[in-house]
Amino acid sequence: MSQSVQQRTCALLSQLARQEGYTESLLDSVRFMRADRQWARTPVLYEPSIIIICQGSKRAFLADKMYRYDAQHYLVLSVPLPFSAETEATSEEPLLGIAIRLDVAMVARLAISELAVTAAPAGIISTPINETLAESTLRLLEALSDPLEAKVLGPARVEEICFRVLMGEQGGAVRAALTYQGHFGRIARALQRIHADWRQPLDIPHLANEAGMSVTRFHLHFKTVTQTSPIQYLKSLRLHQARLMMIRDNLTAAGAAARVGYESDSQFNREFKRLFGRSPGEEAREMKRAFELLPPEQLSGRLQAH
């Protein structure tokens, strides 16, 4: 993006995102991002979204690939994915960005399914940002700075950004993913089911049957999309939820373990430490210290930003 657009975008975001982590905007689908310090590589779980950074940088790591998102690149996730990420930021130059939740219904309204889809679908993409998208982002931030403009103009500005992304350099891969075509679409629907029902016992053969696949093919295509197995994906999702419960709701490790379906405390502690690199107690204490000035109801969004 041009220096002028970047400066104006950063100035607005500095006002809209005053605290670290995610800050809710006047639109439910949009959140502002801020980090005032460097965050080492850590596991995260992102919902389907467009992430646009105007200052600072983040790197996402999934399997053997790295995806950079900074002032020159934006990130798109077409399915919910657990991966690891690291943040480059300082108090003098904080990371500033905006996250827009992707809505399949919006994609349908944009009639993307009527466009030719020639690229293979992708779950995560990093793409150079162009001036048109940068200017659209600035217009959205300007609208979100005023309650009336946010209500009247905000939704159309979000649609404009989604349209620019879907028609962008790698828009074909995003369109293919969001129109739920082929095997990718079946796995995307399975991921929706997992996120909706993660508290319930989930049977992999049943999920495979719902997807119209054999268990073997379901495992194969699931790993192609997420770079992990269905069991490991579900385990990661439950551990992320348990981490949030301990920090936000002050649950003990045992309480969180029981809440997310673990019958063995020792197994929960072992798998938690394997994922996050610290015991449940250590992780909860460290994250509470990092966000000690925030009220509990704000912790959910703050944690996800890192």
C-alpha atoms as a PDB file:
ATOM      1  CA  MET A   1       0.000   0.000   0.000  1.00  0.00           C
ATOM      2  CA  SER A   2       1.133   3.577  -0.572  1.00  0.00           C
ATOM      3  CA  GLN A   3       2.784   5.440   2.288  1.00  0.00           C
ATOM      4  CA  SER A   4      -0.076   7.928   2.506  1.00  0.00           C
ATOM      5  CA  VAL A   5      -2.780   5.242   2.747  1.00  0.00           C
ATOM      6  CA  GLN A   6      -0.711   3.251   5.247  1.00  0.00           C
ATOM      7  CA  GLN A   7      -0.170   6.281   7.483  1.00  0.00           C
ATOM      8  CA  ARG A   8      -3.854   7.173   7.507  1.00  0.00           C
ATOM      9  CA  THR A   9      -4.831   3.540   8.130  1.00  0.00           C
ATOM     10  CA  CYS A  10      -2.373   3.224  11.022  1.00  0.00           C
ATOM     11  CA  ALA A  11      -3.550   6.511  12.544  1.00  0.00           C
ATOM     12  CA  LEU A  12      -7.148   5.283  12.577  1.00  0.00           C
ATOM     13  CA  LEU A  13      -6.228   1.857  13.923  1.00  0.00           C
ATOM     14  CA  SER A  14      -4.157   3.440  16.708  1.00  0.00           C
ATOM     15  CA  GLN A  15      -7.338   5.171  17.852  1.00  0.00           C
ATOM     16  CA  LEU A  16      -9.652   2.194  17.357  1.00  0.00           C
ATOM     17  CA  ALA A  17      -7.363  -0.473  18.864  1.00  0.00           C
ATOM     18  CA  ARG A  18      -6.062   1.029  22.087  1.00  0.00           C
ATOM     19  CA  GLN A  19      -5.426  -2.239  23.950  1.00  0.00           C
ATOM     20  CA  GLU A  20      -3.463  -5.336  23.067  1.00  0.00           C
ATOM     21  CA  GLY A  21      -5.246  -8.227  21.404  1.00  0.00           C
ATOM     22  CA  TYR A  22      -8.567  -7.985  19.609  1.00  0.00           C
ATOM     23  CA  THR A  23     -10.921  -5.026  20.091  1.00  0.00           C
ATOM     24  CA  GLU A  24     -14.542  -5.339  19.021  1.00  0.00           C
ATOM     25  CA  SER A  25     -15.708  -2.855  16.393  1.00  0.00           C
ATOM     26  CA  LEU A  26     -19.151  -1.402  15.738  1.00  0.00           C
ATOM     27  CA  LEU A  27     -19.731  -4.346  13.352  1.00  0.00           C
ATOM     28  CA  ASP A  28     -19.964  -7.882  14.667  1.00  0.00           C
ATOM     29  CA  SER A  29     -17.878  -9.291  11.803  1.00  0.00           C
ATOM     30  CA  VAL A  30     -14.932  -6.898  12.246  1.00  0.00           C
ATOM     31  CA  ARG A  31     -12.317  -6.703  14.990  1.00  0.00           C
ATOM     32  CA  PHE A  32      -9.219  -4.562  15.384  1.00  0.00           C
ATOM     33  CA  MET A  33      -5.830  -6.095  16.229  1.00  0.00           C
ATOM     34  CA  ARG A  34      -2.964  -4.702  18.287  1.00  0.00           C
ATOM     35  CA  ALA A  35       0.250  -6.073  19.809  1.00  0.00           C
ATOM     36  CA  ASP A  36       2.697  -3.890  21.719  1.00  0.00           C
ATOM     37  CA  ARG A  37       5.388  -6.522  22.103  1.00  0.00           C
ATOM     38  CA  GLN A  38       6.978  -9.430  20.318  1.00  0.00           C
ATOM     39  CA  TRP A  39       5.211 -12.733  20.815  1.00  0.00           C
ATOM     40  CA  ALA A  40       7.167 -15.934  20.278  1.00  0.00           C
ATOM     41  CA  ARG A  41       5.783 -18.713  18.126  1.00  0.00           C
ATOM     42  CA  THR A  42       2.720 -20.131  19.832  1.00  0.00           C
ATOM     43  CA  PRO A  43      -0.295 -22.273  18.857  1.00  0.00           C
ATOM     44  CA  VAL A  44      -3.371 -20.329  17.706  1.00  0.00           C
ATOM     45  CA  LEU A  45      -6.757 -21.180  16.245  1.00  0.00           C
ATOM     46  CA  TYR A  46      -8.251 -18.770  13.695  1.00  0.00           C
ATOM     47  CA  GLU A  47     -11.782 -18.744  12.335  1.00  0.00           C
ATOM     48  CA  PRO A  48     -12.366 -18.221   8.580  1.00  0.00           C
ATOM     49  CA  SER A  49     -11.292 -14.629   8.093  1.00  0.00           C
ATOM     50  CA  ILE A  50      -9.359 -11.952   6.231  1.00  0.00           C
ATOM     51  CA  ILE A  51      -6.466 -10.469   8.206  1.00  0.00           C
ATOM     52  CA  ILE A  52      -5.046  -7.143   6.987  1.00  0.00           C
ATOM     53  CA  ILE A  53      -2.014  -5.682   8.793  1.00  0.00           C
ATOM     54  CA  CYS A  54      -0.890  -2.062   8.337  1.00  0.00           C
ATOM     55  CA  GLN A  55       2.046  -2.050  10.780  1.00  0.00           C
ATOM     56  CA  GLY A  56       4.215  -4.770  12.315  1.00  0.00           C
ATOM     57  CA  SER A  57       4.158  -8.330  11.037  1.00  0.00           C
ATOM     58  CA  LYS A  58       3.050 -11.837  11.854  1.00  0.00           C
ATOM     59  CA  ARG A  59       4.136 -15.210  10.521  1.00  0.00           C
ATOM     60  CA  ALA A  60       1.902 -18.266  10.421  1.00  0.00           C
ATOM     61  CA  PHE A  61       3.373 -21.766  10.329  1.00  0.00           C
ATOM     62  CA  LEU A  62       1.373 -24.730   9.089  1.00  0.00           C
ATOM     63  CA  ALA A  63       3.217 -28.005   8.501  1.00  0.00           C
ATOM     64  CA  ASP A  64       6.354 -27.088   6.514  1.00  0.00           C
ATOM     65  CA  LYS A  65       5.001 -23.798   5.121  1.00  0.00           C
ATOM     66  CA  MET A  66       5.276 -20.236   6.384  1.00  0.00           C
ATOM     67  CA  TYR A  67       2.748 -17.503   5.599  1.00  0.00           C
ATOM     68  CA  ARG A  68       3.692 -13.877   6.220  1.00  0.00           C
ATOM     69  CA  TYR A  69       1.091 -11.169   6.832  1.00  0.00           C
ATOM     70  CA  ASP A  70       2.252  -7.601   7.221  1.00  0.00           C
ATOM     71  CA  ALA A  71       1.838  -4.197   5.570  1.00  0.00           C
ATOM     72  CA  GLN A  72       2.619  -5.817   2.209  1.00  0.00           C
ATOM     73  CA  HIS A  73       0.663  -9.094   2.568  1.00  0.00           C
ATOM     74  CA  TYR A  74      -2.765 -10.039   3.855  1.00  0.00           C
ATOM     75  CA  LEU A  75      -3.843 -13.459   5.109  1.00  0.00           C
ATOM     76  CA  VAL A  76      -7.012 -15.355   4.214  1.00  0.00           C
ATOM     77  CA  LEU A  77      -8.312 -18.446   6.016  1.00  0.00           C
ATOM     78  CA  SER A  78     -11.227 -20.158   4.293  1.00  0.00           C
ATOM     79  CA  VAL A  79     -11.657 -22.801   7.030  1.00  0.00           C
ATOM     80  CA  PRO A  80     -10.956 -22.734  10.787  1.00  0.00           C
ATOM     81  CA  LEU A  81      -7.339 -23.816  11.208  1.00  0.00           C
ATOM     82  CA  PRO A  82      -5.070 -24.460  14.182  1.00  0.00           C
ATOM     83  CA  PHE A  83      -1.492 -23.419  13.435  1.00  0.00           C
ATOM     84  CA  SER A  84       1.348 -21.579  15.152  1.00  0.00           C
ATOM     85  CA  ALA A  85       2.125 -17.893  14.780  1.00  0.00           C
ATOM     86  CA  GLU A  86       4.688 -15.357  15.900  1.00  0.00           C
ATOM     87  CA  THR A  87       4.423 -11.579  16.108  1.00  0.00           C
ATOM     88  CA  GLU A  88       6.931  -8.815  15.484  1.00  0.00           C
ATOM     89  CA  ALA A  89       5.979  -5.594  17.277  1.00  0.00           C
ATOM     90  CA  THR A  90       7.254  -3.067  19.822  1.00  0.00           C
ATOM     91  CA  SER A  91       5.620  -0.466  22.042  1.00  0.00           C
ATOM     92  CA  GLU A  92       7.031   2.220  19.733  1.00  0.00           C
ATOM     93  CA  GLU A  93       5.718   0.490  16.597  1.00  0.00           C
ATOM     94  CA  PRO A  94       2.866  -1.810  17.653  1.00  0.00           C
ATOM     95  CA  LEU A  95       1.332  -4.331  15.324  1.00  0.00           C
ATOM     96  CA  LEU A  96      -1.926  -2.870  14.009  1.00  0.00           C
ATOM     97  CA  GLY A  97      -4.442  -4.707  11.885  1.00  0.00           C
ATOM     98  CA  ILE A  98      -8.021  -5.639  11.172  1.00  0.00           C
ATOM     99  CA  ALA A  99      -9.709  -9.051  11.118  1.00  0.00           C
ATOM    100  CA  ILE A 100     -12.877  -9.614   9.078  1.00  0.00           C
ATOM    101  CA  ARG A 101     -14.832 -12.809   9.650  1.00  0.00           C
ATOM    102  CA  LEU A 102     -15.740 -14.524   6.382  1.00  0.00           C
ATOM    103  CA  ASP A 103     -19.425 -15.216   5.863  1.00  0.00           C
ATOM    104  CA  VAL A 104     -20.452 -17.915   3.388  1.00  0.00           C
ATOM    105  CA  ALA A 105     -23.805 -16.177   2.924  1.00  0.00           C
ATOM    106  CA  MET A 106     -21.966 -13.037   1.860  1.00  0.00           C
ATOM    107  CA  VAL A 107     -20.025 -15.025  -0.702  1.00  0.00           C
ATOM    108  CA  ALA A 108     -23.330 -16.256  -2.090  1.00  0.00           C
ATOM    109  CA  ARG A 109     -24.667 -12.690  -2.264  1.00  0.00           C
ATOM    110  CA  LEU A 110     -21.608 -11.687  -4.233  1.00  0.00           C
ATOM    111  CA  ALA A 111     -22.514 -14.436  -6.742  1.00  0.00           C
ATOM    112  CA  ILE A 112     -18.986 -15.811  -6.637  1.00  0.00           C
ATOM    113  CA  SER A 113     -20.295 -19.262  -7.537  1.00  0.00           C
ATOM    114  CA  GLU A 114     -21.182 -17.924 -10.985  1.00  0.00           C
ATOM    115  CA  LEU A 115     -17.566 -17.031 -11.717  1.00  0.00           C
ATOM    116  CA  ALA A 116     -15.185 -19.513 -13.259  1.00  0.00           C
ATOM    117  CA  VAL A 117     -13.160 -21.375 -10.649  1.00  0.00           C
ATOM    118  CA  THR A 118      -9.945 -22.702 -12.111  1.00  0.00           C
ATOM    119  CA  ALA A 119      -7.621 -22.765  -9.074  1.00  0.00           C
ATOM    120  CA  ALA A 120      -7.360 -25.476  -6.446  1.00  0.00           C
ATOM    121  CA  PRO A 121      -9.012 -24.518  -3.137  1.00  0.00           C
ATOM    122  CA  ALA A 122      -6.740 -23.501  -0.263  1.00  0.00           C
ATOM    123  CA  GLY A 123      -7.380 -23.273   3.461  1.00  0.00           C
ATOM    124  CA  ILE A 124      -4.802 -20.541   4.116  1.00  0.00           C
ATOM    125  CA  ILE A 125      -3.269 -18.028   1.703  1.00  0.00           C
ATOM    126  CA  SER A 126      -0.867 -15.096   2.025  1.00  0.00           C
ATOM    127  CA  THR A 127      -1.203 -12.575  -0.819  1.00  0.00           C
ATOM    128  CA  PRO A 128       0.441  -9.225  -1.639  1.00  0.00           C
ATOM    129  CA  ILE A 129      -1.950  -6.377  -0.884  1.00  0.00           C
ATOM    130  CA  ASN A 130      -2.712  -3.996  -3.740  1.00  0.00           C
ATOM    131  CA  GLU A 131      -3.655  -0.335  -3.583  1.00  0.00           C
ATOM    132  CA  THR A 132      -7.323  -1.000  -4.325  1.00  0.00           C
ATOM    133  CA  LEU A 133      -7.703  -3.319  -1.324  1.00  0.00           C
ATOM    134  CA  ALA A 134      -5.679  -0.954   0.874  1.00  0.00           C
ATOM    135  CA  GLU A 135      -7.978   1.952  -0.014  1.00  0.00           C
ATOM    136  CA  SER A 136     -11.057  -0.215   0.626  1.00  0.00           C
ATOM    137  CA  THR A 137      -9.659  -1.044   4.061  1.00  0.00           C
ATOM    138  CA  LEU A 138      -9.117   2.630   4.838  1.00  0.00           C
ATOM    139  CA  ARG A 139     -12.709   3.423   3.837  1.00  0.00           C
ATOM    140  CA  LEU A 140     -13.989   0.691   6.169  1.00  0.00           C
ATOM    141  CA  LEU A 141     -11.970   2.084   9.074  1.00  0.00           C
ATOM    142  CA  GLU A 142     -13.276   5.585   8.364  1.00  0.00           C
ATOM    143  CA  ALA A 143     -16.841   4.240   8.490  1.00  0.00           C
ATOM    144  CA  LEU A 144     -16.160   2.332  11.718  1.00  0.00           C
ATOM    145  CA  SER A 145     -14.938   5.537  13.367  1.00  0.00           C
ATOM    146  CA  ASP A 146     -18.489   6.894  13.433  1.00  0.00           C
ATOM    147  CA  PRO A 147     -21.539   5.015  14.816  1.00  0.00           C
ATOM    148  CA  LEU A 148     -23.944   6.233  12.135  1.00  0.00           C
ATOM    149  CA  GLU A 149     -21.540   5.559   9.254  1.00  0.00           C
ATOM    150  CA  ALA A 150     -20.725   2.147  10.725  1.00  0.00           C
ATOM    151  CA  LYS A 151     -24.405   1.228  10.739  1.00  0.00           C
ATOM    152  CA  VAL A 152     -25.252   2.638   7.315  1.00  0.00           C
ATOM    153  CA  LEU A 153     -22.030   2.187   5.329  1.00  0.00           C
ATOM    154  CA  GLY A 154     -20.106  -0.452   7.274  1.00  0.00           C
ATOM    155  CA  PRO A 155     -21.701  -3.634   5.869  1.00  0.00           C
ATOM    156  CA  ALA A 156     -21.194  -2.461   2.279  1.00  0.00           C
ATOM    157  CA  ARG A 157     -17.548  -1.619   3.021  1.00  0.00           C
ATOM    158  CA  VAL A 158     -17.023  -5.131   4.401  1.00  0.00           C
ATOM    159  CA  GLU A 159     -18.596  -6.610   1.263  1.00  0.00           C
ATOM    160  CA  GLU A 160     -16.303  -4.458  -0.854  1.00  0.00           C
ATOM    161  CA  ILE A 161     -13.211  -5.836   0.895  1.00  0.00           C
ATOM    162  CA  CYS A 162     -14.460  -9.415   0.556  1.00  0.00           C
ATOM    163  CA  PHE A 163     -15.118  -8.814  -3.134  1.00  0.00           C
ATOM    164  CA  ARG A 164     -11.603  -7.390  -3.651  1.00  0.00           C
ATOM    165  CA  VAL A 165     -10.088 -10.437  -1.956  1.00  0.00           C
ATOM    166  CA  LEU A 166     -12.224 -12.895  -3.924  1.00  0.00           C
ATOM    167  CA  MET A 167     -11.257 -11.193  -7.178  1.00  0.00           C
ATOM    168  CA  GLY A 168      -7.621 -10.702  -6.198  1.00  0.00           C
ATOM    169  CA  GLU A 169      -4.399 -12.382  -7.211  1.00  0.00           C
ATOM    170  CA  GLN A 170      -5.238 -15.658  -5.450  1.00  0.00           C
ATOM    171  CA  GLY A 171      -8.974 -15.134  -5.379  1.00  0.00           C
ATOM    172  CA  GLY A 172      -9.599 -18.256  -7.445  1.00  0.00           C
ATOM    173  CA  ALA A 173      -8.280 -20.471  -4.661  1.00  0.00           C
ATOM    174  CA  VAL A 174     -10.355 -18.599  -2.093  1.00  0.00           C
ATOM    175  CA  ARG A 175     -13.498 -18.760  -4.265  1.00  0.00           C
ATOM    176  CA  ALA A 176     -12.999 -22.475  -4.799  1.00  0.00           C
ATOM    177  CA  ALA A 177     -12.683 -22.959  -1.046  1.00  0.00           C
ATOM    178  CA  LEU A 178     -15.652 -20.803  -0.057  1.00  0.00           C
ATOM    179  CA  THR A 179     -18.016 -22.306  -2.605  1.00  0.00           C
ATOM    180  CA  TYR A 180     -17.352 -25.665  -0.930  1.00  0.00           C
ATOM    181  CA  GLN A 181     -16.506 -27.541  -4.116  1.00  0.00           C
ATOM    182  CA  GLY A 182     -15.351 -31.143  -4.287  1.00  0.00           C
ATOM    183  CA  HIS A 183     -13.502 -32.915  -1.503  1.00  0.00           C
ATOM    184  CA  PHE A 184     -12.375 -29.619   0.026  1.00  0.00           C
ATOM    185  CA  GLY A 185     -15.999 -28.558   0.451  1.00  0.00           C
ATOM    186  CA  ARG A 186     -16.924 -31.812   2.150  1.00  0.00           C
ATOM    187  CA  ILE A 187     -14.075 -31.395   4.627  1.00  0.00           C
ATOM    188  CA  ALA A 188     -15.021 -27.740   5.181  1.00  0.00           C
ATOM    189  CA  ARG A 189     -18.524 -28.844   6.152  1.00  0.00           C
ATOM    190  CA  ALA A 190     -17.056 -31.478   8.472  1.00  0.00           C
ATOM    191  CA  LEU A 191     -14.971 -28.762  10.139  1.00  0.00           C
ATOM    192  CA  GLN A 192     -18.116 -26.698  10.638  1.00  0.00           C
ATOM    193  CA  ARG A 193     -19.727 -29.689  12.334  1.00  0.00           C
ATOM    194  CA  ILE A 194     -16.695 -30.238  14.578  1.00  0.00           C
ATOM    195  CA  HIS A 195     -16.670 -26.596  15.692  1.00  0.00           C
ATOM    196  CA  ALA A 196     -20.401 -26.628  16.353  1.00  0.00           C
ATOM    197  CA  ASP A 197     -20.385 -29.899  18.320  1.00  0.00           C
ATOM    198  CA  TRP A 198     -16.897 -30.136  19.832  1.00  0.00           C
ATOM    199  CA  ARG A 199     -18.378 -30.585  23.320  1.00  0.00           C
ATOM    200  CA  GLN A 200     -20.117 -33.766  22.167  1.00  0.00           C
ATOM    201  CA  PRO A 201     -18.477 -37.147  21.482  1.00  0.00           C
ATOM    202  CA  LEU A 202     -17.615 -37.088  17.783  1.00  0.00           C
ATOM    203  CA  ASP A 203     -17.371 -40.326  15.860  1.00  0.00           C
ATOM    204  CA  ILE A 204     -14.925 -40.188  12.940  1.00  0.00           C
ATOM    205  CA  PRO A 205     -16.683 -42.921  10.896  1.00  0.00           C
ATOM    206  CA  HIS A 206     -19.931 -40.969  11.288  1.00  0.00           C
ATOM    207  CA  LEU A 207     -18.254 -37.747  10.121  1.00  0.00           C
ATOM    208  CA  ALA A 208     -16.798 -39.620   7.155  1.00  0.00           C
ATOM    209  CA  ASN A 209     -20.224 -41.015   6.297  1.00  0.00           C
ATOM    210  CA  GLU A 210     -21.762 -37.534   6.472  1.00  0.00           C
ATOM    211  CA  ALA A 211     -19.031 -36.363   4.072  1.00  0.00           C
ATOM    212  CA  GLY A 212     -19.824 -39.234   1.695  1.00  0.00           C
ATOM    213  CA  MET A 213     -16.358 -40.746   2.067  1.00  0.00           C
ATOM    214  CA  SER A 214     -14.785 -43.888   3.395  1.00  0.00           C
ATOM    215  CA  VAL A 215     -12.893 -43.425   6.658  1.00  0.00           C
ATOM    216  CA  THR A 216      -9.590 -43.827   4.805  1.00  0.00           C
ATOM    217  CA  ARG A 217     -10.416 -41.171   2.195  1.00  0.00           C
ATOM    218  CA  PHE A 218     -11.853 -38.877   4.863  1.00  0.00           C
ATOM    219  CA  HIS A 219      -8.563 -39.030   6.776  1.00  0.00           C
ATOM    220  CA  LEU A 220      -6.607 -38.388   3.575  1.00  0.00           C
ATOM    221  CA  HIS A 221      -8.602 -35.346   2.466  1.00  0.00           C
ATOM    222  CA  PHE A 222      -8.902 -34.000   6.007  1.00  0.00           C
ATOM    223  CA  LYS A 223      -5.120 -33.960   6.364  1.00  0.00           C
ATOM    224  CA  THR A 224      -4.737 -32.334   2.949  1.00  0.00           C
ATOM    225  CA  VAL A 225      -6.886 -29.401   4.108  1.00  0.00           C
ATOM    226  CA  THR A 226      -5.769 -29.055   7.743  1.00  0.00           C
ATOM    227  CA  GLN A 227      -2.324 -30.720   7.766  1.00  0.00           C
ATOM    228  CA  THR A 228      -3.461 -32.854  10.687  1.00  0.00           C
ATOM    229  CA  SER A 229      -5.721 -35.815  11.421  1.00  0.00           C
ATOM    230  CA  PRO A 230      -9.363 -35.467  12.535  1.00  0.00           C
ATOM    231  CA  ILE A 231      -8.507 -36.737  16.025  1.00  0.00           C
ATOM    232  CA  GLN A 232      -5.557 -34.361  16.411  1.00  0.00           C
ATOM    233  CA  TYR A 233      -7.650 -31.462  15.101  1.00  0.00           C
ATOM    234  CA  LEU A 234     -10.411 -32.127  17.614  1.00  0.00           C
ATOM    235  CA  LYS A 235      -7.846 -32.536  20.388  1.00  0.00           C
ATOM    236  CA  SER A 236      -6.247 -29.192  19.503  1.00  0.00           C
ATOM    237  CA  LEU A 237      -9.637 -27.477  19.420  1.00  0.00           C
ATOM    238  CA  ARG A 238     -10.551 -28.804  22.877  1.00  0.00           C
ATOM    239  CA  LEU A 239      -7.173 -27.826  24.343  1.00  0.00           C
ATOM    240  CA  HIS A 240      -7.544 -24.283  22.994  1.00  0.00           C
ATOM    241  CA  GLN A 241     -10.989 -24.097  24.577  1.00  0.00           C
ATOM    242  CA  ALA A 242      -9.635 -25.419  27.887  1.00  0.00           C
ATOM    243  CA  ARG A 243      -6.838 -22.821  27.841  1.00  0.00           C
ATOM    244  CA  LEU A 244      -9.378 -20.054  27.368  1.00  0.00           C
ATOM    245  CA  MET A 245     -11.564 -21.382  30.191  1.00  0.00           C
ATOM    246  CA  MET A 246      -8.642 -21.414  32.637  1.00  0.00           C
ATOM    247  CA  ILE A 247      -7.668 -17.850  31.811  1.00  0.00           C
ATOM    248  CA  ARG A 248     -11.074 -16.262  31.261  1.00  0.00           C
ATOM    249  CA  ASP A 249     -13.180 -18.223  33.761  1.00  0.00           C
ATOM    250  CA  ASN A 250     -10.446 -19.021  36.336  1.00  0.00           C
ATOM    251  CA  LEU A 251     -11.095 -22.763  36.063  1.00  0.00           C
ATOM    252  CA  THR A 252      -8.510 -25.139  37.455  1.00  0.00           C
ATOM    253  CA  ALA A 253      -6.719 -27.458  35.051  1.00  0.00           C
ATOM    254  CA  ALA A 254      -8.862 -30.322  36.335  1.00  0.00           C
ATOM    255  CA  GLY A 255     -12.037 -28.292  35.891  1.00  0.00           C
ATOM    256  CA  ALA A 256     -11.134 -27.263  32.358  1.00  0.00           C
ATOM    257  CA  ALA A 257     -10.114 -30.810  31.478  1.00  0.00           C
ATOM    258  CA  ALA A 258     -13.473 -32.162  32.605  1.00  0.00           C
ATOM    259  CA  ARG A 259     -15.337 -29.366  30.812  1.00  0.00           C
ATOM    260  CA  VAL A 260     -13.760 -30.235  27.437  1.00  0.00           C
ATOM    261  CA  GLY A 261     -14.197 -33.981  27.808  1.00  0.00           C
ATOM    262  CA  TYR A 262     -11.002 -35.362  29.349  1.00  0.00           C
ATOM    263  CA  GLU A 263     -11.466 -38.168  31.866  1.00  0.00           C
ATOM    264  CA  SER A 264      -7.767 -38.287  32.839  1.00  0.00           C
ATOM    265  CA  ASP A 265      -6.103 -35.213  34.362  1.00  0.00           C
ATOM    266  CA  SER A 266      -2.654 -36.614  33.650  1.00  0.00           C
ATOM    267  CA  GLN A 267      -3.493 -37.131  29.971  1.00  0.00           C
ATOM    268  CA  PHE A 268      -4.856 -33.580  29.750  1.00  0.00           C
ATOM    269  CA  ASN A 269      -1.736 -32.121  31.387  1.00  0.00           C
ATOM    270  CA  ARG A 270       0.538 -34.129  29.107  1.00  0.00           C
ATOM    271  CA  GLU A 271      -1.257 -33.185  25.889  1.00  0.00           C
ATOM    272  CA  PHE A 272      -1.649 -29.541  26.946  1.00  0.00           C
ATOM    273  CA  LYS A 273       2.083 -29.186  27.579  1.00  0.00           C
ATOM    274  CA  ARG A 274       2.868 -30.892  24.280  1.00  0.00           C
ATOM    275  CA  LEU A 275       0.760 -28.313  22.419  1.00  0.00           C
ATOM    276  CA  PHE A 276       1.527 -25.097  24.330  1.00  0.00           C
ATOM    277  CA  GLY A 277       5.000 -25.874  25.676  1.00  0.00           C
ATOM    278  CA  ARG A 278       3.951 -25.181  29.284  1.00  0.00           C
ATOM    279  CA  SER A 279       1.831 -26.896  31.886  1.00  0.00           C
ATOM    280  CA  PRO A 280      -1.783 -25.706  32.160  1.00  0.00           C
ATOM    281  CA  GLY A 281      -1.014 -23.833  35.386  1.00  0.00           C
ATOM    282  CA  GLU A 282       2.076 -22.141  33.956  1.00  0.00           C
ATOM    283  CA  GLU A 283       0.252 -21.117  30.782  1.00  0.00           C
ATOM    284  CA  ALA A 284      -2.708 -19.676  32.709  1.00  0.00           C
ATOM    285  CA  ARG A 285      -0.465 -17.702  35.061  1.00  0.00           C
ATOM    286  CA  GLU A 286       1.671 -16.325  32.227  1.00  0.00           C
ATOM    287  CA  MET A 287      -1.286 -15.230  30.093  1.00  0.00           C
ATOM    288  CA  LYS A 288      -3.083 -13.680  33.080  1.00  0.00           C
ATOM    289  CA  ARG A 289       0.044 -11.637  33.805  1.00  0.00           C
ATOM    290  CA  ALA A 290       0.210 -10.523  30.181  1.00  0.00           C
ATOM    291  CA  PHE A 291      -3.409  -9.326  30.287  1.00  0.00           C
ATOM    292  CA  GLU A 292      -3.735  -8.531  33.982  1.00  0.00           C
ATOM    293  CA  LEU A 293      -5.366  -5.134  33.380  1.00  0.00           C
ATOM    294  CA  LEU A 294      -8.192  -6.539  31.279  1.00  0.00           C
ATOM    295  CA  PRO A 295     -11.605  -7.574  32.657  1.00  0.00           C
ATOM    296  CA  PRO A 296     -12.467 -11.270  32.176  1.00  0.00           C
ATOM    297  CA  GLU A 297     -15.065 -10.637  29.454  1.00  0.00           C
ATOM    298  CA  GLN A 298     -12.358  -9.129  27.218  1.00  0.00           C
ATOM    299  CA  LEU A 299      -9.832 -11.952  27.557  1.00  0.00           C
ATOM    300  CA  SER A 300     -11.299 -14.189  24.848  1.00  0.00           C
ATOM    301  CA  GLY A 301     -10.556 -11.747  22.061  1.00  0.00           C
ATOM    302  CA  ARG A 302      -7.223 -10.651  23.506  1.00  0.00           C
ATOM    303  CA  LEU A 303      -5.886 -14.191  23.627  1.00  0.00           C
ATOM    304  CA  GLN A 304      -6.873 -15.101  20.093  1.00  0.00           C
ATOM    305  CA  ALA A 305      -4.842 -12.242  18.630  1.00  0.00           C
ATOM    306  CA  HIS A 306      -1.624 -13.942  19.690  1.00  0.00           C
END
